[in-house]
Protein backbone atom coordinates (compact mmCIF):
# COMPACT_ATOMS: atom_id res chain seq x y z
CA MET A 1 85.86 37.18 83.90
CA LEU A 2 89.27 38.01 83.36
CA HIS A 3 88.87 39.12 79.87
CA ALA A 4 86.02 41.32 80.55
CA LYS A 5 88.19 43.23 83.63
CA CYS A 6 90.77 43.92 80.66
CA TYR A 7 88.06 45.06 78.55
CA ASP A 8 87.02 47.67 81.25
CA ARG A 9 90.76 48.38 81.61
CA ILE A 10 91.07 49.08 78.01
CA THR A 11 87.79 51.12 77.46
CA THR A 12 88.84 53.16 80.69
CA SER A 13 92.30 53.88 79.43
CA CYS A 14 91.04 54.94 75.85
CA SER A 15 88.51 57.33 77.22
CA ALA A 16 91.01 58.91 79.60
CA ARG A 17 93.22 59.45 76.70
CA SER A 18 90.42 60.95 74.44
CA ASP A 19 89.71 63.28 77.10
CA GLN A 20 93.32 64.33 77.54
CA THR A 21 93.61 64.64 73.76
CA GLN A 22 90.53 67.01 73.98
CA GLN A 23 91.67 69.21 76.91
CA GLN A 24 95.43 69.27 75.03
CA GLN A 25 93.39 70.40 71.79
CA GLN A 26 91.34 73.19 73.86
CA GLN A 27 94.47 74.75 75.45
CA HIS A 28 96.20 74.76 72.23
CA ASP A 29 93.04 76.60 70.64
CA ASN A 30 93.26 78.99 73.53
CA MET A 31 97.04 79.23 73.46
CA SER A 32 96.57 80.19 69.39
CA LEU A 33 93.49 82.44 70.21
CA LEU A 34 95.47 84.31 72.88
CA ALA A 35 98.24 85.03 70.39
CA LYS A 36 95.93 86.37 68.16
CA ILE A 37 94.57 88.52 70.73
CA ALA A 38 97.73 89.98 71.75
CA GLU A 39 99.17 90.66 67.97
CA ILE A 40 96.05 92.98 67.54
CA GLU A 41 96.14 94.33 71.13
CA ASN A 42 99.74 95.28 70.08
CA GLU A 43 98.79 96.89 66.69
CA MET A 44 95.90 98.80 68.30
CA ALA A 45 98.62 100.16 70.96
CA ARG A 46 100.91 101.41 68.10
CA THR A 47 98.45 102.77 66.23
CA GLN A 48 97.92 106.67 66.99
CA LYS A 49 94.51 107.93 67.80
CA ASN A 50 92.99 110.57 65.28
CA LYS A 51 90.02 111.08 62.65
CA ALA A 52 92.05 108.98 59.85
CA THR A 53 92.97 105.95 61.99
CA ALA A 54 89.17 105.82 63.72
CA HIS A 55 88.07 103.19 60.76
CA HIS A 56 91.26 101.25 61.12
CA LEU A 57 90.96 100.98 65.08
CA GLY A 58 87.14 100.10 65.22
CA LEU A 59 87.49 97.24 62.76
CA LEU A 60 90.44 95.98 65.32
CA LYS A 61 87.92 96.48 67.91
CA ALA A 62 85.55 93.95 66.31
CA ARG A 63 88.22 91.69 65.31
CA LEU A 64 89.22 91.70 69.36
CA ALA A 65 85.82 90.92 70.72
CA LYS A 66 85.29 88.08 68.45
CA LEU A 67 88.05 86.43 69.07
CA ARG A 68 87.61 86.97 72.58
CA ARG A 69 83.86 85.71 72.21
CA GLU A 70 85.30 82.69 70.92
CA LEU A 71 88.11 82.47 73.72
CA ILE A 72 85.22 81.96 76.17
CA THR A 73 82.59 79.69 74.08
CA PRO A 74 83.44 75.85 74.90
CA LYS A 75 83.52 74.61 71.30
CA GLY A 76 80.75 71.79 70.87
CA GLY A 77 77.87 73.34 72.26
CA GLY A 78 77.56 71.00 74.70
CA GLY A 79 78.92 70.72 78.44
CA GLY A 80 80.19 73.08 80.49
CA GLY A 81 77.10 76.02 79.05
CA ALA A 82 76.62 79.02 81.17
CA GLY A 83 77.40 77.74 84.25
CA GLU A 84 75.12 76.50 87.71
CA GLY A 85 73.25 79.52 88.55
CA PHE A 86 73.85 81.60 85.31
CA ASP A 87 70.71 80.63 83.53
CA VAL A 88 68.21 82.99 84.58
CA ALA A 89 64.71 82.91 82.56
CA LYS A 90 64.41 86.68 81.53
CA THR A 91 60.99 87.85 82.84
CA GLY A 92 59.24 91.32 83.01
CA ASP A 93 59.12 94.68 80.71
CA ALA A 94 62.97 94.86 80.96
CA ARG A 95 66.30 93.62 82.69
CA ILE A 96 68.81 95.43 84.39
CA GLY A 97 72.12 94.19 85.37
CA PHE A 98 74.07 95.07 88.42
CA VAL A 99 77.73 94.82 87.49
CA GLY A 100 81.11 95.38 89.82
CA PHE A 101 84.19 94.70 91.36
CA PRO A 102 83.23 92.27 94.72
CA SER A 103 82.15 93.86 97.11
CA VAL A 104 81.06 97.27 96.25
CA GLY A 105 77.62 96.77 97.28
CA LYS A 106 75.74 95.05 94.75
CA SER A 107 73.87 93.10 97.13
CA THR A 108 72.95 95.22 99.70
CA LEU A 109 71.45 97.39 96.95
CA LEU A 110 69.82 94.96 95.32
CA SER A 111 68.02 93.61 98.52
CA ASN A 112 66.72 97.41 99.55
CA LEU A 113 65.34 97.80 96.26
CA ALA A 114 63.68 94.66 95.59
CA GLY A 115 63.56 92.82 99.16
CA VAL A 116 65.83 89.95 97.66
CA TYR A 117 68.40 88.59 99.73
CA SER A 118 71.76 87.82 98.17
CA GLU A 119 74.66 87.03 100.67
CA VAL A 120 76.43 90.09 101.75
CA ALA A 121 79.60 90.22 103.75
CA ALA A 122 82.49 92.99 104.06
CA TYR A 123 85.02 90.31 102.03
CA GLU A 124 85.71 89.68 98.07
CA PHE A 125 83.28 87.31 96.20
CA THR A 126 80.58 86.98 98.18
CA THR A 127 77.66 86.47 95.38
CA LEU A 128 78.85 83.47 93.61
CA THR A 129 75.93 83.35 90.75
CA THR A 130 73.29 85.25 89.20
CA VAL A 131 70.87 86.57 92.27
CA PRO A 132 67.65 87.73 90.77
CA GLY A 133 64.83 90.01 91.90
CA VAL A 134 62.08 92.07 90.41
CA ILE A 135 60.25 95.52 91.19
CA ARG A 136 57.33 97.11 89.75
CA TYR A 137 57.63 100.70 89.03
CA LYS A 138 55.25 103.20 87.09
CA GLY A 139 53.23 100.08 86.04
CA ALA A 140 56.40 98.47 84.79
CA LYS A 141 57.62 94.98 86.03
CA ILE A 142 61.68 95.09 85.99
CA GLN A 143 64.17 92.32 86.79
CA LEU A 144 67.21 93.04 88.81
CA LEU A 145 70.08 90.58 88.35
CA ASP A 146 73.14 91.05 90.91
CA LEU A 147 75.69 89.78 88.69
CA PRO A 148 79.11 87.79 90.90
CA GLY A 149 81.64 90.21 91.15
CA ILE A 150 84.00 90.60 87.92
CA ILE A 151 87.87 90.32 88.19
CA GLU A 152 90.60 91.97 86.21
CA GLY A 153 91.24 89.51 83.35
CA ALA A 154 87.05 88.64 82.96
CA LYS A 155 87.00 89.28 78.87
CA ASP A 156 89.76 86.44 78.65
CA GLY A 157 88.32 83.88 81.05
CA LYS A 158 89.21 84.24 84.43
CA GLY A 159 87.35 83.46 87.13
CA ARG A 160 83.48 83.29 86.20
CA GLY A 161 83.65 86.59 84.12
CA ARG A 162 82.74 84.98 80.74
CA GLN A 163 79.66 84.06 82.23
CA VAL A 164 79.01 87.54 83.96
CA ILE A 165 79.76 89.44 80.90
CA ALA A 166 77.29 86.83 78.79
CA VAL A 167 74.70 87.74 81.00
CA ALA A 168 75.31 91.24 81.10
CA ARG A 169 74.86 90.56 77.17
CA THR A 170 71.42 90.41 77.72
CA CYS A 171 70.33 93.21 79.81
CA ASN A 172 68.36 96.23 78.80
CA LEU A 173 70.46 98.19 81.21
CA ILE A 174 73.59 98.04 82.82
CA LEU A 175 74.27 99.28 86.41
CA ILE A 176 77.81 99.84 87.12
CA VAL A 177 78.27 99.86 90.74
CA LEU A 178 81.45 101.67 92.36
CA ASP A 179 83.09 102.45 95.72
CA VAL A 180 82.78 106.12 95.66
CA LEU A 181 86.52 106.36 97.24
CA LYS A 182 88.07 104.34 94.61
CA PRO A 183 85.39 104.86 91.53
CA LEU A 184 87.65 106.05 88.53
CA GLY A 185 90.41 102.82 88.71
CA HIS A 186 87.43 100.20 88.80
CA LYS A 187 85.46 101.91 86.15
CA LYS A 188 88.20 102.14 83.51
CA LEU A 189 88.76 98.60 84.37
CA ILE A 190 85.48 97.28 84.20
CA GLU A 191 84.63 99.19 81.00
CA HIS A 192 87.48 97.36 79.47
CA GLU A 193 86.28 94.40 80.37
CA LEU A 194 82.87 95.00 79.07
CA GLU A 195 84.42 96.64 75.89
CA GLY A 196 86.47 93.21 74.76
CA PHE A 197 83.59 91.27 74.68
CA GLY A 198 81.65 93.16 72.25
CA ILE A 199 79.64 95.44 74.76
CA ARG A 200 79.76 99.32 74.16
CA LEU A 201 78.39 101.43 76.63
CA ASN A 202 76.34 104.75 76.22
CA LYS A 203 77.35 104.99 72.66
CA GLN A 204 75.18 104.97 69.25
CA PRO A 205 75.00 102.23 67.19
CA PRO A 206 76.79 102.25 63.69
CA ASN A 207 74.72 103.11 60.85
CA ILE A 208 74.27 99.71 59.41
CA GLY A 209 71.36 98.95 57.01
CA TYR A 210 70.19 95.30 56.21
CA LYS A 211 67.30 93.33 54.71
CA ARG A 212 66.02 90.69 56.54
CA LYS A 213 65.70 87.48 54.67
CA ASP A 214 64.05 84.07 55.66
CA LYS A 215 67.00 81.76 55.58
CA GLY A 216 70.45 82.18 55.01
CA GLY A 217 72.30 84.05 57.53
CA ILE A 218 74.60 86.87 57.07
CA ASN A 219 75.57 87.11 53.46
CA PHE A 220 77.72 90.36 52.24
CA THR A 221 78.09 92.13 48.97
CA ALA A 222 80.33 94.87 47.89
CA THR A 223 79.61 97.29 45.73
CA CYS A 224 83.06 98.01 45.23
CA ALA A 225 86.26 96.77 45.92
CA GLN A 226 87.22 96.30 49.82
CA SER A 227 90.62 96.83 51.65
CA GLU A 228 89.37 96.16 55.16
CA LEU A 229 85.89 95.27 54.84
CA ASP A 230 84.92 91.30 54.59
CA ALA A 231 82.11 89.09 55.70
CA GLU A 232 83.58 87.96 58.83
CA THR A 233 84.31 91.39 60.11
CA VAL A 234 81.09 92.61 59.45
CA LYS A 235 79.37 89.55 61.46
CA SER A 236 81.61 90.92 64.31
CA ILE A 237 79.94 94.40 64.31
CA LEU A 238 76.90 93.31 64.28
CA ALA A 239 77.44 90.59 67.36
CA GLU A 240 78.31 94.13 69.33
CA VAL A 241 75.95 94.89 71.72
CA TYR A 242 75.12 98.90 72.49
CA LEU A 243 73.65 99.37 75.86
CA PRO A 244 72.62 102.08 78.11
CA CYS A 245 74.86 102.36 81.34
CA ILE A 246 74.23 104.17 84.73
CA TYR A 247 77.05 104.49 87.55
CA VAL A 248 76.02 104.01 90.71
CA LEU A 249 78.60 105.58 92.96
CA ASN A 250 77.96 103.75 96.57
CA LYS A 251 79.02 104.35 100.10
CA ILE A 252 78.48 108.63 99.95
CA ASP A 253 77.91 108.38 103.61
CA GLN A 254 81.78 108.16 103.41
CA ILE A 255 82.63 111.36 101.96
CA SER A 256 82.12 115.26 102.61
CA ILE A 257 79.37 117.18 101.10
CA GLU A 258 81.90 119.00 98.66
CA GLU A 259 82.92 115.79 96.98
CA LEU A 260 78.98 114.88 96.69
CA ASP A 261 78.70 118.22 94.87
CA ILE A 262 81.51 117.49 92.42
CA ILE A 263 80.06 113.52 91.69
CA TYR A 264 76.47 114.97 90.69
CA LYS A 265 78.14 116.84 87.71
CA VAL A 266 79.35 113.74 86.46
CA PRO A 267 77.82 112.34 83.19
CA HIS A 268 75.46 109.14 83.89
CA CYS A 269 76.01 108.90 87.77
CA VAL A 270 74.10 108.71 90.57
CA PRO A 271 75.48 108.86 93.94
CA ILE A 272 73.62 106.26 97.00
CA SER A 273 74.31 104.51 99.98
CA ALA A 274 72.63 101.61 99.66
CA HIS A 275 73.01 100.84 103.34
CA HIS A 276 71.33 103.56 104.23
CA ARG A 277 68.83 103.91 101.47
CA TRP A 278 69.67 107.27 100.48
CA ASN A 279 68.86 108.72 96.90
CA PHE A 280 66.85 105.78 95.62
CA ASP A 281 64.25 107.95 94.35
CA ASP A 282 66.91 109.52 91.80
CA LEU A 283 68.63 106.48 91.00
CA LEU A 284 65.00 104.95 90.21
CA GLU A 285 64.15 107.58 88.00
CA LYS A 286 67.25 107.77 85.91
CA MET A 287 67.07 103.81 85.57
CA TRP A 288 63.22 104.78 84.39
CA ASP A 289 64.69 107.50 81.90
CA TYR A 290 67.60 104.96 80.39
CA LEU A 291 65.04 101.74 79.78
CA LYS A 292 62.90 104.10 77.52
CA LEU A 293 59.77 102.17 78.33
CA VAL A 294 56.46 103.43 76.95
CA ARG A 295 53.16 102.64 78.83
CA ILE A 296 49.74 101.79 76.69
CA TYR A 297 46.49 101.34 79.07
CA THR A 298 44.07 99.28 78.14
CA LYS A 299 40.27 100.11 77.73
CA PRO A 300 37.32 97.26 77.67
CA LYS A 301 34.32 98.09 75.26
CA GLY A 302 31.90 100.03 77.87
CA GLN A 303 34.18 100.28 80.69
CA LEU A 304 36.79 102.49 82.29
CA PRO A 305 40.50 102.34 81.73
CA ASP A 306 42.77 100.16 83.51
CA TYR A 307 45.42 102.24 85.24
CA THR A 308 46.60 99.27 87.27
CA SER A 309 48.23 97.14 84.87
CA PRO A 310 50.06 98.99 81.48
CA VAL A 311 51.33 97.15 78.67
CA VAL A 312 54.94 98.12 78.64
CA LEU A 313 56.97 98.62 75.25
CA PRO A 314 60.22 99.73 74.34
CA ASP A 315 60.19 103.36 72.90
CA ASP A 316 61.33 102.10 69.38
CA HIS A 317 58.33 99.55 69.04
CA THR A 318 54.99 101.73 69.90
CA ALA A 319 52.81 100.74 67.30
CA VAL A 320 49.53 99.21 67.38
CA GLU A 321 50.73 96.45 65.86
CA ASP A 322 53.97 95.89 68.63
CA PHE A 323 50.84 96.35 71.37
CA CYS A 324 49.01 93.09 69.77
CA LEU A 325 51.82 91.03 69.43
CA LYS A 326 52.82 91.93 73.27
CA ILE A 327 49.42 90.30 74.34
CA HIS A 328 49.29 87.57 71.81
CA LYS A 329 50.33 86.68 68.27
CA SER A 330 47.29 86.01 67.13
CA LEU A 331 45.66 89.26 68.17
CA ILE A 332 47.42 90.84 64.72
CA LYS A 333 45.02 88.58 62.46
CA GLU A 334 41.66 89.08 63.99
CA PHE A 335 42.54 93.13 64.64
CA LYS A 336 39.93 95.25 62.54
CA TYR A 337 40.96 98.84 63.82
CA ALA A 338 41.69 100.70 67.31
CA LEU A 339 40.04 103.62 69.25
CA VAL A 340 42.93 105.52 71.01
CA TRP A 341 42.88 108.49 73.83
CA GLY A 342 45.94 110.42 74.14
CA ALA A 343 49.17 112.79 73.47
CA SER A 344 49.66 110.57 70.35
CA VAL A 345 46.04 111.56 68.35
CA LYS A 346 44.24 114.74 67.74
CA HIS A 347 41.37 114.13 68.96
CA ASN A 348 39.98 111.80 71.46
CA PRO A 349 39.19 109.01 70.49
CA GLN A 350 40.60 108.59 66.90
CA LYS A 351 40.26 105.50 65.06
CA VAL A 352 43.35 104.11 64.17
CA GLY A 353 45.03 101.28 61.90
CA LYS A 354 47.62 98.80 63.43
CA ASP A 355 50.82 101.22 61.86
CA HIS A 356 49.91 103.96 64.41
CA VAL A 357 52.58 105.00 67.10
CA MET A 358 51.47 105.67 70.35
CA ASP A 359 52.79 107.75 73.01
CA ASP A 360 53.53 107.09 76.62
CA GLU A 361 50.17 106.44 78.89
CA ASP A 362 48.07 106.34 75.47
CA VAL A 363 44.70 104.62 76.42
CA ILE A 364 43.72 101.71 73.61
CA GLN A 365 40.44 100.23 73.08
CA LEU A 366 40.71 97.07 70.29
CA VAL A 367 38.07 96.37 67.91
CA LYS A 368 38.32 92.92 66.51
CA LYS A 369 37.04 91.56 62.91
């Protein structure tokens, strides 16, 4: 019995030492990453911005984003994960993330848009986990996510910023909710946090071509000597996410009409009052425009088209083949041809193949083999 107790003590002691060693190693790795991040940030601060240095700054940004992703991703894959309440299944035709500092009205906006209750109070950090909601607009099912308030330093792993930004990367559209009384300061800070994690807002992705293969990962082959570009930098650039963004200026009931007129002229902005439900129509319309979705209506043989439940596709994947894959993967194997009515064809109906690209609100009837 005595030997068993001693063995238990030794085992517990070894386990505690092992955990302590792992924590010390993790802290050492984080300190090393932070030093590298600080070094790149200092180099970016010293580099003058002009056309000649734009390429160099772009490479530095890509490396910075890669280091920050390493900083917030725990090693080993297991343990920790995304955090309780952050693993929200993606449903519907599109996902919109509400990002902002604490207590700017994100929860009130979601509650009034989707009828979802997210705890609301007049103090900071009310929402502690991701709160999902769903709205139907123009026949599309759109998932809304009220993300916990971002704090300065989120990109470096402070607070729950890393989980918030990780979920934001999976969205089709970002709504940055700002307090209309202090918009510019918060806007710059949030953009800085998202940029640091490789999220580019309202920007065009770089013109990079690649060939997809069955296996092997990313293989970088240079046709001439490269002074700065290497495989790791290319991977970092490809890992960046380019997302459309709308700046929602909340609490317009606290400003004058003259100030509201000025706000309306700011690009990518929609002024609202979440509490009073003011200007929700403009917000929903802008959300729809930025999501760039296309609705395709189905028509069973010998019946009228079903205008109540469209198949919704992103506007860059609207071929008949994309339509079939959205319904079921096996459908394309049985596909013979399709009859299409609408703006994408010259006469109604028109017989088309799987490569035909459809327009918004086209009607389609599939004919199987």
